[in-house]
Amino acid sequence: MSLVDDARRVRENAYAPYSNFKVGAAIRAASGEVYLGVNVENVAYPEGTCAEAGAIAAMIAAGDAEIAEVAVIADSPVPVSPCGGCRQKLAEFGRGEVKVTLATTDGTTRETTLGDLLPGAFDQAQMERA
């Protein structure tokens, strides 16, 4: 089963009663383990969590801390990209060359990398004087 298949399967569990825009994410950690996440909305919209943030939280809770690959899927006319905040969250735990597959539920995919999604990412090196 591919990472996109994992994201597709978990996407059905998303809680999106306000936007009706369900997103699923799957992260393969450097250990080989796969962690899943979905978007979870809240009546106090836009409070809630993104699918990527949920998958990262599951990875960290399990004791892994390095992303090796990412897949994100939504029912969208074009492959959906992570929001800006999630791009920064993904960059916290993955190197620029990490493969990211963006997918639609009808089978369209786009492959990119974390570095291409967030060029010039804010990172620890910029805090060396702090």
N, C-alpha and C. Protein backbone atom coordinates (compact mmCIF):
# COMPACT_ATOMS: atom_id res chain seq x y z
N MET A 1 0.85 -1.18 0.00
CA MET A 1 0.00 0.00 0.00
C MET A 1 0.90 1.25 0.00
N SER A 2 0.57 2.21 -0.83
CA SER A 2 1.36 3.44 -0.91
C SER A 2 0.95 4.43 0.17
N LEU A 3 1.79 5.42 0.36
CA LEU A 3 1.49 6.47 1.33
C LEU A 3 0.22 7.24 0.91
N VAL A 4 0.03 7.43 -0.38
CA VAL A 4 -1.19 8.09 -0.87
C VAL A 4 -2.41 7.24 -0.52
N ASP A 5 -2.30 5.92 -0.66
CA ASP A 5 -3.41 5.03 -0.28
C ASP A 5 -3.73 5.15 1.20
N ASP A 6 -2.68 5.24 2.04
CA ASP A 6 -2.89 5.42 3.48
C ASP A 6 -3.63 6.73 3.75
N ALA A 7 -3.20 7.81 3.08
CA ALA A 7 -3.84 9.12 3.27
C ALA A 7 -5.29 9.08 2.77
N ARG A 8 -5.51 8.40 1.66
CA ARG A 8 -6.86 8.28 1.10
C ARG A 8 -7.79 7.57 2.09
N ARG A 9 -7.30 6.48 2.65
CA ARG A 9 -8.11 5.69 3.59
C ARG A 9 -8.46 6.50 4.84
N VAL A 10 -7.49 7.17 5.44
CA VAL A 10 -7.75 7.90 6.68
C VAL A 10 -8.59 9.16 6.44
N ARG A 11 -8.52 9.71 5.24
CA ARG A 11 -9.26 10.94 4.90
C ARG A 11 -10.74 10.80 5.23
N GLU A 12 -11.26 9.60 5.07
CA GLU A 12 -12.69 9.37 5.35
C GLU A 12 -13.05 9.65 6.80
N ASN A 13 -12.07 9.64 7.69
CA ASN A 13 -12.32 9.89 9.12
C ASN A 13 -12.24 11.37 9.49
N ALA A 14 -11.93 12.23 8.54
CA ALA A 14 -11.83 13.66 8.83
C ALA A 14 -13.14 14.19 9.40
N TYR A 15 -13.03 15.19 10.25
CA TYR A 15 -14.20 15.83 10.84
C TYR A 15 -14.28 17.23 10.24
N ALA A 16 -15.10 17.36 9.18
CA ALA A 16 -15.18 18.62 8.45
C ALA A 16 -16.64 19.01 8.16
N PRO A 17 -17.46 19.14 9.23
CA PRO A 17 -18.87 19.44 9.01
C PRO A 17 -19.13 20.88 8.54
N TYR A 18 -18.17 21.76 8.65
CA TYR A 18 -18.38 23.17 8.31
C TYR A 18 -17.91 23.49 6.90
N SER A 19 -16.75 22.97 6.51
CA SER A 19 -16.24 23.23 5.17
C SER A 19 -16.57 22.09 4.20
N ASN A 20 -16.85 20.90 4.73
CA ASN A 20 -17.03 19.70 3.92
C ASN A 20 -15.80 19.42 3.05
N PHE A 21 -14.63 19.86 3.50
CA PHE A 21 -13.37 19.66 2.77
C PHE A 21 -12.49 18.74 3.61
N LYS A 22 -12.62 17.45 3.36
CA LYS A 22 -11.86 16.45 4.12
C LYS A 22 -10.46 16.30 3.54
N VAL A 23 -9.47 16.29 4.44
CA VAL A 23 -8.07 16.12 4.04
C VAL A 23 -7.48 14.97 4.84
N GLY A 24 -6.70 14.16 4.16
CA GLY A 24 -5.96 13.09 4.82
C GLY A 24 -4.48 13.26 4.58
N ALA A 25 -3.67 12.93 5.57
CA ALA A 25 -2.21 13.01 5.44
C ALA A 25 -1.58 11.75 5.99
N ALA A 26 -0.50 11.35 5.35
CA ALA A 26 0.28 10.22 5.83
C ALA A 26 1.75 10.61 5.80
N ILE A 27 2.44 10.31 6.88
CA ILE A 27 3.87 10.60 7.00
C ILE A 27 4.60 9.29 7.25
N ARG A 28 5.63 9.05 6.45
CA ARG A 28 6.53 7.93 6.73
C ARG A 28 7.73 8.52 7.47
N ALA A 29 7.96 8.04 8.66
CA ALA A 29 9.11 8.51 9.45
C ALA A 29 10.37 7.80 8.96
N ALA A 30 11.51 8.32 9.36
CA ALA A 30 12.79 7.71 9.01
C ALA A 30 12.86 6.27 9.51
N SER A 31 12.14 5.95 10.57
CA SER A 31 12.10 4.60 11.13
C SER A 31 11.34 3.62 10.23
N GLY A 32 10.56 4.15 9.27
CA GLY A 32 9.72 3.32 8.41
C GLY A 32 8.28 3.27 8.85
N GLU A 33 8.00 3.69 10.07
CA GLU A 33 6.61 3.71 10.56
C GLU A 33 5.81 4.78 9.82
N VAL A 34 4.51 4.52 9.65
CA VAL A 34 3.62 5.46 8.98
C VAL A 34 2.65 6.03 10.00
N TYR A 35 2.49 7.35 9.95
CA TYR A 35 1.60 8.06 10.86
C TYR A 35 0.55 8.81 10.04
N LEU A 36 -0.68 8.78 10.52
CA LEU A 36 -1.80 9.33 9.78
C LEU A 36 -2.42 10.50 10.50
N GLY A 37 -3.03 11.39 9.73
CA GLY A 37 -3.74 12.53 10.31
C GLY A 37 -4.86 12.98 9.40
N VAL A 38 -5.85 13.63 9.99
CA VAL A 38 -6.98 14.20 9.25
C VAL A 38 -7.25 15.60 9.79
N ASN A 39 -7.92 16.41 8.98
CA ASN A 39 -8.32 17.70 9.50
C ASN A 39 -9.50 17.52 10.45
N VAL A 40 -9.49 18.35 11.50
CA VAL A 40 -10.54 18.30 12.52
C VAL A 40 -11.00 19.73 12.73
N GLU A 41 -12.22 20.02 12.28
CA GLU A 41 -12.76 21.38 12.41
C GLU A 41 -13.44 21.57 13.75
N ASN A 42 -13.80 22.81 14.02
CA ASN A 42 -14.43 23.18 15.27
C ASN A 42 -15.50 24.21 14.95
N VAL A 43 -16.57 24.23 15.71
CA VAL A 43 -17.63 25.20 15.48
C VAL A 43 -17.10 26.63 15.57
N ALA A 44 -16.04 26.84 16.34
CA ALA A 44 -15.41 28.16 16.43
C ALA A 44 -14.42 28.29 15.27
N TYR A 45 -14.94 28.08 14.05
CA TYR A 45 -14.15 28.12 12.82
C TYR A 45 -13.41 29.44 12.73
N PRO A 46 -12.14 29.52 12.44
CA PRO A 46 -11.30 28.50 11.83
C PRO A 46 -10.47 27.68 12.81
N GLU A 47 -10.83 27.67 14.08
CA GLU A 47 -10.12 26.80 15.03
C GLU A 47 -10.24 25.36 14.56
N GLY A 48 -9.23 24.60 14.83
CA GLY A 48 -9.19 23.21 14.41
C GLY A 48 -7.76 22.84 14.08
N THR A 49 -7.58 21.66 13.51
CA THR A 49 -6.24 21.23 13.15
C THR A 49 -6.23 20.69 11.73
N CYS A 50 -5.09 20.85 11.10
CA CYS A 50 -4.89 20.35 9.75
C CYS A 50 -4.47 18.88 9.80
N ALA A 51 -4.67 18.18 8.71
CA ALA A 51 -4.31 16.77 8.62
C ALA A 51 -2.81 16.57 8.83
N GLU A 52 -1.99 17.44 8.24
CA GLU A 52 -0.55 17.31 8.37
C GLU A 52 -0.11 17.47 9.82
N ALA A 53 -0.71 18.43 10.52
CA ALA A 53 -0.38 18.65 11.93
C ALA A 53 -0.77 17.44 12.77
N GLY A 54 -1.90 16.81 12.44
CA GLY A 54 -2.32 15.61 13.16
C GLY A 54 -1.36 14.46 12.96
N ALA A 55 -0.88 14.29 11.73
CA ALA A 55 0.08 13.21 11.44
C ALA A 55 1.41 13.47 12.15
N ILE A 56 1.84 14.73 12.17
CA ILE A 56 3.07 15.08 12.88
C ILE A 56 2.91 14.79 14.36
N ALA A 57 1.78 15.18 14.95
CA ALA A 57 1.55 14.94 16.37
C ALA A 57 1.58 13.44 16.68
N ALA A 58 0.99 12.61 15.82
CA ALA A 58 1.00 11.17 16.03
C ALA A 58 2.44 10.64 15.96
N MET A 59 3.22 11.17 15.03
CA MET A 59 4.62 10.74 14.89
C MET A 59 5.42 11.08 16.15
N ILE A 60 5.27 12.29 16.63
CA ILE A 60 6.01 12.72 17.81
C ILE A 60 5.55 11.93 19.04
N ALA A 61 4.24 11.72 19.17
CA ALA A 61 3.71 10.97 20.31
C ALA A 61 4.23 9.54 20.34
N ALA A 62 4.52 8.98 19.16
CA ALA A 62 5.04 7.61 19.08
C ALA A 62 6.55 7.53 19.29
N GLY A 63 7.20 8.70 19.38
CA GLY A 63 8.63 8.71 19.64
C GLY A 63 9.51 8.88 18.42
N ASP A 64 8.93 9.06 17.24
CA ASP A 64 9.70 9.36 16.03
C ASP A 64 9.80 10.88 15.89
N ALA A 65 10.84 11.34 15.19
CA ALA A 65 10.99 12.79 15.05
C ALA A 65 11.59 13.21 13.71
N GLU A 66 11.68 12.29 12.74
CA GLU A 66 12.24 12.66 11.44
C GLU A 66 11.34 12.15 10.32
N ILE A 67 10.90 13.07 9.47
CA ILE A 67 10.03 12.73 8.34
C ILE A 67 10.89 12.29 7.16
N ALA A 68 10.48 11.17 6.54
CA ALA A 68 11.16 10.66 5.34
C ALA A 68 10.32 10.85 4.08
N GLU A 69 8.99 10.92 4.23
CA GLU A 69 8.10 11.08 3.07
C GLU A 69 6.73 11.53 3.56
N VAL A 70 6.02 12.26 2.69
CA VAL A 70 4.70 12.80 3.06
C VAL A 70 3.74 12.60 1.89
N ALA A 71 2.47 12.34 2.20
CA ALA A 71 1.40 12.33 1.21
C ALA A 71 0.20 13.07 1.79
N VAL A 72 -0.44 13.88 0.95
CA VAL A 72 -1.63 14.65 1.36
C VAL A 72 -2.67 14.49 0.26
N ILE A 73 -3.92 14.23 0.65
CA ILE A 73 -4.98 14.03 -0.34
C ILE A 73 -6.25 14.76 0.07
N ALA A 74 -6.97 15.28 -0.93
CA ALA A 74 -8.27 15.92 -0.71
C ALA A 74 -9.11 15.77 -1.97
N ASP A 75 -10.41 15.96 -1.83
CA ASP A 75 -11.32 15.96 -2.97
C ASP A 75 -11.28 17.36 -3.55
N SER A 76 -10.35 17.58 -4.45
CA SER A 76 -10.06 18.89 -4.99
C SER A 76 -9.84 18.76 -6.50
N PRO A 77 -10.09 19.81 -7.28
CA PRO A 77 -9.85 19.71 -8.72
C PRO A 77 -8.37 19.60 -9.07
N VAL A 78 -7.50 20.07 -8.20
CA VAL A 78 -6.05 19.96 -8.38
C VAL A 78 -5.45 19.46 -7.07
N PRO A 79 -4.26 18.84 -7.12
CA PRO A 79 -3.64 18.38 -5.87
C PRO A 79 -3.51 19.53 -4.87
N VAL A 80 -3.92 19.26 -3.64
CA VAL A 80 -3.95 20.28 -2.60
C VAL A 80 -2.60 20.37 -1.89
N SER A 81 -2.12 21.58 -1.69
CA SER A 81 -0.86 21.81 -0.98
C SER A 81 -1.12 22.05 0.50
N PRO A 82 -0.17 21.70 1.35
CA PRO A 82 -0.29 22.06 2.77
C PRO A 82 -0.36 23.58 2.92
N CYS A 83 -1.06 24.05 3.94
CA CYS A 83 -1.11 25.49 4.22
C CYS A 83 0.29 25.96 4.65
N GLY A 84 0.48 27.25 4.74
CA GLY A 84 1.77 27.79 5.13
C GLY A 84 2.25 27.31 6.48
N GLY A 85 1.35 27.27 7.45
CA GLY A 85 1.73 26.81 8.78
C GLY A 85 2.17 25.36 8.77
N CYS A 86 1.48 24.52 8.01
CA CYS A 86 1.86 23.11 7.94
C CYS A 86 3.16 22.92 7.18
N ARG A 87 3.43 23.76 6.20
CA ARG A 87 4.71 23.69 5.50
C ARG A 87 5.84 23.92 6.49
N GLN A 88 5.68 24.90 7.37
CA GLN A 88 6.70 25.16 8.38
C GLN A 88 6.80 24.01 9.38
N LYS A 89 5.66 23.44 9.76
CA LYS A 89 5.67 22.30 10.69
C LYS A 89 6.38 21.11 10.06
N LEU A 90 6.10 20.82 8.78
CA LEU A 90 6.76 19.71 8.10
C LEU A 90 8.27 19.96 8.00
N ALA A 91 8.65 21.21 7.73
CA ALA A 91 10.07 21.55 7.62
C ALA A 91 10.81 21.39 8.95
N GLU A 92 10.10 21.48 10.05
CA GLU A 92 10.71 21.30 11.36
C GLU A 92 11.26 19.88 11.53
N PHE A 93 10.61 18.92 10.88
CA PHE A 93 10.96 17.52 11.09
C PHE A 93 11.47 16.80 9.84
N GLY A 94 11.59 17.51 8.73
CA GLY A 94 12.06 16.89 7.50
C GLY A 94 13.03 17.77 6.76
N ARG A 95 13.95 17.16 6.05
CA ARG A 95 14.92 17.89 5.24
C ARG A 95 14.28 18.36 3.94
N GLY A 96 14.92 19.30 3.28
CA GLY A 96 14.40 19.87 2.04
C GLY A 96 14.14 18.87 0.94
N GLU A 97 14.93 17.80 0.88
CA GLU A 97 14.77 16.82 -0.21
C GLU A 97 13.68 15.77 0.05
N VAL A 98 12.99 15.86 1.18
CA VAL A 98 11.92 14.90 1.49
C VAL A 98 10.83 14.98 0.42
N LYS A 99 10.47 13.81 -0.12
CA LYS A 99 9.43 13.73 -1.15
C LYS A 99 8.05 13.98 -0.54
N VAL A 100 7.27 14.80 -1.25
CA VAL A 100 5.89 15.09 -0.86
C VAL A 100 5.01 14.80 -2.06
N THR A 101 4.03 13.93 -1.88
CA THR A 101 3.07 13.65 -2.94
C THR A 101 1.74 14.29 -2.58
N LEU A 102 1.28 15.16 -3.45
CA LEU A 102 0.00 15.84 -3.28
C LEU A 102 -0.98 15.16 -4.22
N ALA A 103 -2.17 14.82 -3.74
CA ALA A 103 -3.09 14.02 -4.55
C ALA A 103 -4.53 14.50 -4.44
N THR A 104 -5.31 14.12 -5.46
CA THR A 104 -6.75 14.33 -5.45
C THR A 104 -7.42 12.96 -5.33
N THR A 105 -8.66 12.96 -4.91
CA THR A 105 -9.37 11.69 -4.76
C THR A 105 -9.65 11.03 -6.11
N ASP A 106 -9.56 11.78 -7.21
CA ASP A 106 -9.79 11.17 -8.53
C ASP A 106 -8.50 10.64 -9.15
N GLY A 107 -7.38 10.69 -8.41
CA GLY A 107 -6.16 10.05 -8.87
C GLY A 107 -5.07 10.96 -9.42
N THR A 108 -5.31 12.24 -9.52
CA THR A 108 -4.28 13.16 -9.98
C THR A 108 -3.26 13.35 -8.87
N THR A 109 -1.98 13.30 -9.21
CA THR A 109 -0.93 13.52 -8.21
C THR A 109 0.09 14.52 -8.73
N ARG A 110 0.77 15.12 -7.79
CA ARG A 110 1.89 16.02 -8.07
C ARG A 110 2.97 15.72 -7.05
N GLU A 111 4.17 15.46 -7.50
CA GLU A 111 5.28 15.21 -6.59
C GLU A 111 6.14 16.46 -6.48
N THR A 112 6.55 16.74 -5.26
CA THR A 112 7.40 17.89 -4.98
C THR A 112 8.29 17.51 -3.79
N THR A 113 8.94 18.49 -3.21
CA THR A 113 9.76 18.27 -2.02
C THR A 113 9.41 19.31 -0.97
N LEU A 114 9.82 19.03 0.27
CA LEU A 114 9.60 20.03 1.33
C LEU A 114 10.31 21.33 0.98
N GLY A 115 11.52 21.25 0.43
CA GLY A 115 12.26 22.45 0.07
C GLY A 115 11.57 23.27 -0.99
N ASP A 116 10.93 22.62 -1.96
CA ASP A 116 10.19 23.36 -2.98
C ASP A 116 8.91 23.96 -2.43
N LEU A 117 8.29 23.29 -1.45
CA LEU A 117 7.08 23.83 -0.84
C LEU A 117 7.37 25.04 0.04
N LEU A 118 8.56 25.06 0.66
CA LEU A 118 8.88 26.15 1.58
C LEU A 118 10.33 26.59 1.38
N PRO A 119 10.60 27.28 0.27
CA PRO A 119 11.96 27.77 0.07
C PRO A 119 12.30 28.83 1.12
N GLY A 120 13.54 28.82 1.57
CA GLY A 120 13.95 29.79 2.57
C GLY A 120 13.30 29.57 3.92
N ALA A 121 13.01 28.32 4.26
CA ALA A 121 12.34 28.02 5.52
C ALA A 121 13.09 28.59 6.71
N PHE A 122 12.35 29.10 7.67
CA PHE A 122 12.91 29.55 8.94
C PHE A 122 13.37 28.31 9.68
N ASP A 123 14.65 28.27 10.12
CA ASP A 123 15.13 27.09 10.80
C ASP A 123 16.03 27.46 11.97
N GLN A 124 16.57 26.45 12.63
CA GLN A 124 17.38 26.65 13.85
C GLN A 124 18.60 27.50 13.60
N ALA A 125 19.18 27.42 12.42
CA ALA A 125 20.40 28.20 12.11
C ALA A 125 20.15 29.70 12.26
N GLN A 126 18.94 30.13 12.03
CA GLN A 126 18.61 31.55 12.13
C GLN A 126 18.46 32.01 13.56
N MET A 127 18.50 31.08 14.50
CA MET A 127 18.35 31.42 15.91
C MET A 127 19.65 31.28 16.70
N GLU A 128 20.77 31.10 16.01
CA GLU A 128 22.03 30.83 16.68
C GLU A 128 22.47 31.91 17.65
N ARG A 129 22.08 33.15 17.44
CA ARG A 129 22.49 34.24 18.36
C ARG A 129 21.52 34.38 19.54
N ALA A 130 20.39 33.72 19.46
CA ALA A 130 19.37 33.88 20.51
C ALA A 130 19.79 33.23 21.80
